[in-house]
N, C-alpha and C. Protein backbone atom coordinates (compact mmCIF):
# COMPACT_ATOMS: atom_id res chain seq x y z
N UNK A 1 0.83 -1.18 0.00
CA UNK A 1 0.00 0.00 0.00
C UNK A 1 0.88 1.25 0.00
N UNK A 2 0.56 2.21 -0.85
CA UNK A 2 1.30 3.47 -0.92
C UNK A 2 0.68 4.47 0.06
N UNK A 3 1.49 5.05 0.87
CA UNK A 3 1.03 6.07 1.80
C UNK A 3 1.25 7.44 1.19
N UNK A 4 0.40 8.38 1.54
CA UNK A 4 0.53 9.75 1.04
C UNK A 4 1.93 10.29 1.30
N UNK A 5 2.52 9.99 2.44
CA UNK A 5 3.85 10.50 2.77
C UNK A 5 4.90 10.00 1.79
N UNK A 6 4.64 8.87 1.09
CA UNK A 6 5.60 8.32 0.14
C UNK A 6 5.49 8.97 -1.24
N UNK A 7 4.43 9.70 -1.50
CA UNK A 7 4.25 10.35 -2.79
C UNK A 7 4.99 11.69 -2.75
N UNK A 8 5.91 11.91 -3.69
CA UNK A 8 6.65 13.18 -3.68
C UNK A 8 5.72 14.36 -3.90
N UNK A 9 6.09 15.51 -3.36
CA UNK A 9 5.34 16.72 -3.67
C UNK A 9 5.55 17.05 -5.13
N UNK A 10 4.55 17.64 -5.74
CA UNK A 10 4.68 18.00 -7.16
C UNK A 10 3.87 19.24 -7.45
N UNK A 11 4.25 19.90 -8.53
CA UNK A 11 3.54 21.09 -9.00
C UNK A 11 3.88 21.28 -10.47
N UNK A 12 2.87 21.57 -11.28
CA UNK A 12 3.09 21.93 -12.68
C UNK A 12 2.23 23.13 -13.03
N UNK A 13 2.77 24.02 -13.85
CA UNK A 13 2.02 25.17 -14.35
C UNK A 13 2.41 25.36 -15.81
N UNK A 14 1.43 25.57 -16.66
CA UNK A 14 1.73 25.74 -18.07
C UNK A 14 0.48 25.92 -18.89
N UNK A 15 0.48 25.36 -20.09
CA UNK A 15 -0.62 25.51 -21.03
C UNK A 15 -1.10 24.15 -21.51
N UNK A 16 -2.40 24.07 -21.71
CA UNK A 16 -3.04 22.86 -22.20
C UNK A 16 -3.86 23.27 -23.42
N UNK A 17 -3.67 22.60 -24.53
CA UNK A 17 -4.41 22.87 -25.75
C UNK A 17 -5.00 21.56 -26.23
N UNK A 18 -6.29 21.57 -26.58
CA UNK A 18 -6.86 20.37 -27.19
C UNK A 18 -7.74 20.75 -28.37
N UNK A 19 -7.92 19.80 -29.23
CA UNK A 19 -8.70 19.96 -30.44
C UNK A 19 -9.49 18.67 -30.60
N UNK A 20 -10.83 18.76 -30.71
CA UNK A 20 -11.62 17.53 -30.79
C UNK A 20 -12.84 17.69 -31.67
N UNK A 21 -13.53 16.59 -31.89
CA UNK A 21 -14.69 16.55 -32.77
C UNK A 21 -15.99 16.95 -32.07
N UNK A 22 -15.95 17.20 -30.78
CA UNK A 22 -17.15 17.58 -30.03
C UNK A 22 -17.45 19.06 -30.20
N UNK A 23 -18.68 19.44 -29.88
CA UNK A 23 -19.03 20.86 -29.84
C UNK A 23 -18.32 21.48 -28.64
N UNK A 24 -18.08 22.79 -28.70
CA UNK A 24 -17.44 23.48 -27.58
C UNK A 24 -18.50 23.67 -26.49
N UNK A 25 -18.26 23.49 -25.26
CA UNK A 25 -17.08 22.93 -24.66
C UNK A 25 -17.17 21.40 -24.68
N UNK A 26 -16.04 20.78 -24.92
CA UNK A 26 -15.98 19.33 -25.04
C UNK A 26 -16.46 18.67 -23.74
N UNK A 27 -17.48 17.82 -23.80
CA UNK A 27 -17.96 17.17 -22.58
C UNK A 27 -16.94 16.21 -21.97
N UNK A 28 -16.01 15.72 -22.77
CA UNK A 28 -14.98 14.81 -22.23
C UNK A 28 -14.12 15.51 -21.18
N UNK A 29 -13.95 16.82 -21.33
CA UNK A 29 -13.19 17.60 -20.35
C UNK A 29 -13.85 17.52 -18.97
N UNK A 30 -15.16 17.32 -18.95
CA UNK A 30 -15.92 17.28 -17.70
C UNK A 30 -16.42 15.87 -17.38
N UNK A 31 -15.71 14.84 -17.90
CA UNK A 31 -16.03 13.43 -17.65
C UNK A 31 -17.45 13.05 -18.07
N UNK A 32 -17.89 13.63 -19.20
CA UNK A 32 -19.20 13.31 -19.77
C UNK A 32 -19.01 12.63 -21.12
N UNK A 33 -20.05 11.99 -21.62
CA UNK A 33 -19.99 11.32 -22.92
C UNK A 33 -19.86 12.35 -24.04
N UNK A 34 -19.14 12.02 -25.12
CA UNK A 34 -19.01 12.95 -26.25
C UNK A 34 -20.36 13.25 -26.90
N UNK A 35 -20.49 14.42 -27.51
CA UNK A 35 -21.73 14.84 -28.15
C UNK A 35 -22.16 13.90 -29.27
N UNK A 36 -21.21 13.43 -30.06
CA UNK A 36 -21.54 12.66 -31.25
C UNK A 36 -21.28 11.16 -31.10
N UNK A 37 -21.08 10.68 -29.86
CA UNK A 37 -20.90 9.26 -29.62
C UNK A 37 -19.47 8.77 -29.72
N UNK A 38 -18.54 9.61 -30.13
CA UNK A 38 -17.13 9.23 -30.20
C UNK A 38 -16.30 10.49 -30.00
N UNK A 39 -15.06 10.33 -29.64
CA UNK A 39 -14.18 11.48 -29.41
C UNK A 39 -12.92 11.31 -30.24
N UNK A 40 -12.73 12.16 -31.19
CA UNK A 40 -11.51 12.20 -31.97
C UNK A 40 -10.75 13.43 -31.51
N UNK A 41 -9.57 13.24 -30.92
CA UNK A 41 -8.92 14.39 -30.32
C UNK A 41 -7.41 14.28 -30.27
N UNK A 42 -6.80 15.43 -30.05
CA UNK A 42 -5.38 15.53 -29.74
C UNK A 42 -5.25 16.54 -28.60
N UNK A 43 -4.40 16.24 -27.63
CA UNK A 43 -4.18 17.13 -26.50
C UNK A 43 -2.68 17.37 -26.36
N UNK A 44 -2.31 18.61 -26.05
CA UNK A 44 -0.92 18.97 -25.83
C UNK A 44 -0.79 19.69 -24.50
N UNK A 45 0.28 19.40 -23.77
CA UNK A 45 0.60 20.10 -22.53
C UNK A 45 2.01 20.65 -22.63
N UNK A 46 2.19 21.90 -22.25
CA UNK A 46 3.51 22.49 -22.13
C UNK A 46 3.67 22.91 -20.67
N UNK A 47 4.54 22.24 -19.96
CA UNK A 47 4.80 22.58 -18.55
C UNK A 47 5.87 23.67 -18.55
N UNK A 48 5.45 24.90 -18.26
CA UNK A 48 6.40 26.02 -18.21
C UNK A 48 7.30 25.90 -16.98
N UNK A 49 6.69 25.56 -15.84
CA UNK A 49 7.42 25.37 -14.59
C UNK A 49 6.85 24.15 -13.89
N UNK A 50 7.70 23.35 -13.28
CA UNK A 50 7.17 22.24 -12.53
C UNK A 50 8.25 21.35 -11.93
N UNK A 51 7.79 20.50 -11.02
CA UNK A 51 8.70 19.51 -10.42
C UNK A 51 7.87 18.34 -9.91
N UNK A 52 8.49 17.19 -9.83
CA UNK A 52 7.94 16.00 -9.19
C UNK A 52 9.01 15.55 -8.22
N UNK A 53 8.80 15.85 -6.94
CA UNK A 53 9.87 15.64 -5.97
C UNK A 53 11.05 16.53 -6.35
N UNK A 54 12.24 15.93 -6.49
CA UNK A 54 13.44 16.68 -6.87
C UNK A 54 13.63 16.75 -8.38
N UNK A 55 12.74 16.15 -9.16
CA UNK A 55 12.88 16.13 -10.62
C UNK A 55 12.24 17.38 -11.21
N UNK A 56 13.03 18.20 -11.88
CA UNK A 56 12.51 19.41 -12.52
C UNK A 56 11.79 19.04 -13.81
N UNK A 57 10.64 19.65 -14.05
CA UNK A 57 9.85 19.41 -15.25
C UNK A 57 9.73 20.67 -16.10
N UNK A 58 10.52 21.70 -15.80
CA UNK A 58 10.45 22.96 -16.53
C UNK A 58 10.60 22.74 -18.03
N UNK A 59 9.71 23.37 -18.79
CA UNK A 59 9.74 23.36 -20.25
C UNK A 59 9.52 21.96 -20.86
N UNK A 60 8.81 21.09 -20.15
CA UNK A 60 8.50 19.76 -20.68
C UNK A 60 7.23 19.81 -21.52
N UNK A 61 7.12 18.89 -22.47
CA UNK A 61 5.94 18.79 -23.32
C UNK A 61 5.35 17.40 -23.21
N UNK A 62 4.05 17.30 -23.40
CA UNK A 62 3.38 16.00 -23.45
C UNK A 62 2.22 16.08 -24.41
N UNK A 63 1.78 14.93 -24.89
CA UNK A 63 0.63 14.92 -25.78
C UNK A 63 -0.12 13.61 -25.70
N UNK A 64 -1.37 13.65 -26.10
CA UNK A 64 -2.22 12.47 -26.25
C UNK A 64 -2.91 12.62 -27.60
N UNK A 65 -2.87 11.59 -28.42
CA UNK A 65 -3.44 11.68 -29.76
C UNK A 65 -4.43 10.56 -29.97
N UNK A 66 -5.65 10.91 -30.42
CA UNK A 66 -6.63 9.92 -30.85
C UNK A 66 -6.96 10.16 -32.32
N UNK A 67 -7.49 11.30 -32.62
CA UNK A 67 -7.74 11.82 -33.96
C UNK A 67 -7.92 13.31 -33.81
N UNK A 68 -8.05 14.04 -34.89
CA UNK A 68 -8.24 15.48 -34.81
C UNK A 68 -9.33 15.92 -35.77
N UNK A 69 -10.20 16.83 -35.30
CA UNK A 69 -11.17 17.42 -36.22
C UNK A 69 -11.38 18.88 -35.93
N UNK A 70 -12.58 19.35 -35.55
CA UNK A 70 -12.92 20.75 -35.75
C UNK A 70 -13.07 21.71 -34.58
N UNK A 71 -13.11 21.33 -33.32
CA UNK A 71 -13.27 22.33 -32.26
C UNK A 71 -11.98 22.43 -31.45
N UNK A 72 -11.69 23.59 -30.90
CA UNK A 72 -10.44 23.74 -30.17
C UNK A 72 -10.60 24.67 -28.97
N UNK A 73 -9.70 24.49 -28.00
CA UNK A 73 -9.67 25.38 -26.84
C UNK A 73 -8.27 25.38 -26.23
N UNK A 74 -7.92 26.41 -25.55
CA UNK A 74 -6.65 26.55 -24.86
C UNK A 74 -6.97 26.79 -23.39
N UNK A 75 -6.41 25.98 -22.50
CA UNK A 75 -6.71 26.08 -21.08
C UNK A 75 -5.40 26.15 -20.30
N UNK A 76 -5.08 27.29 -19.67
CA UNK A 76 -3.91 27.32 -18.82
C UNK A 76 -4.15 26.47 -17.57
N UNK A 77 -3.11 25.89 -17.01
CA UNK A 77 -3.29 25.08 -15.81
C UNK A 77 -2.22 25.38 -14.78
N UNK A 78 -2.53 25.04 -13.54
CA UNK A 78 -1.63 25.22 -12.41
C UNK A 78 -2.04 24.19 -11.37
N UNK A 79 -1.42 23.01 -11.39
CA UNK A 79 -1.81 21.91 -10.52
C UNK A 79 -0.73 21.63 -9.49
N UNK A 80 -1.12 21.23 -8.31
CA UNK A 80 -0.19 20.90 -7.23
C UNK A 80 -0.59 19.58 -6.61
N UNK A 81 0.40 18.74 -6.30
CA UNK A 81 0.14 17.46 -5.65
C UNK A 81 0.32 17.55 -4.16
N UNK A 82 0.21 16.40 -3.49
CA UNK A 82 0.24 16.40 -2.01
C UNK A 82 1.48 17.02 -1.40
């Protein structure tokens, strides 16, 4: 069993951009079913500043790709862990 004390502190701040086939705002963002019964999307994250324990994550990029179509949004984020 993992205890909270064993999880390193973490924090990330940056930009999140996604593009999907749903109408704006994408219901998948809010853990709801897609408007048209399927979700074709691509998501990108740019961590401007961040760390996971002692590991620096500054200027890191990540992405998730399913498919891409017609709606888009840009969401800045600032998340912190335990």
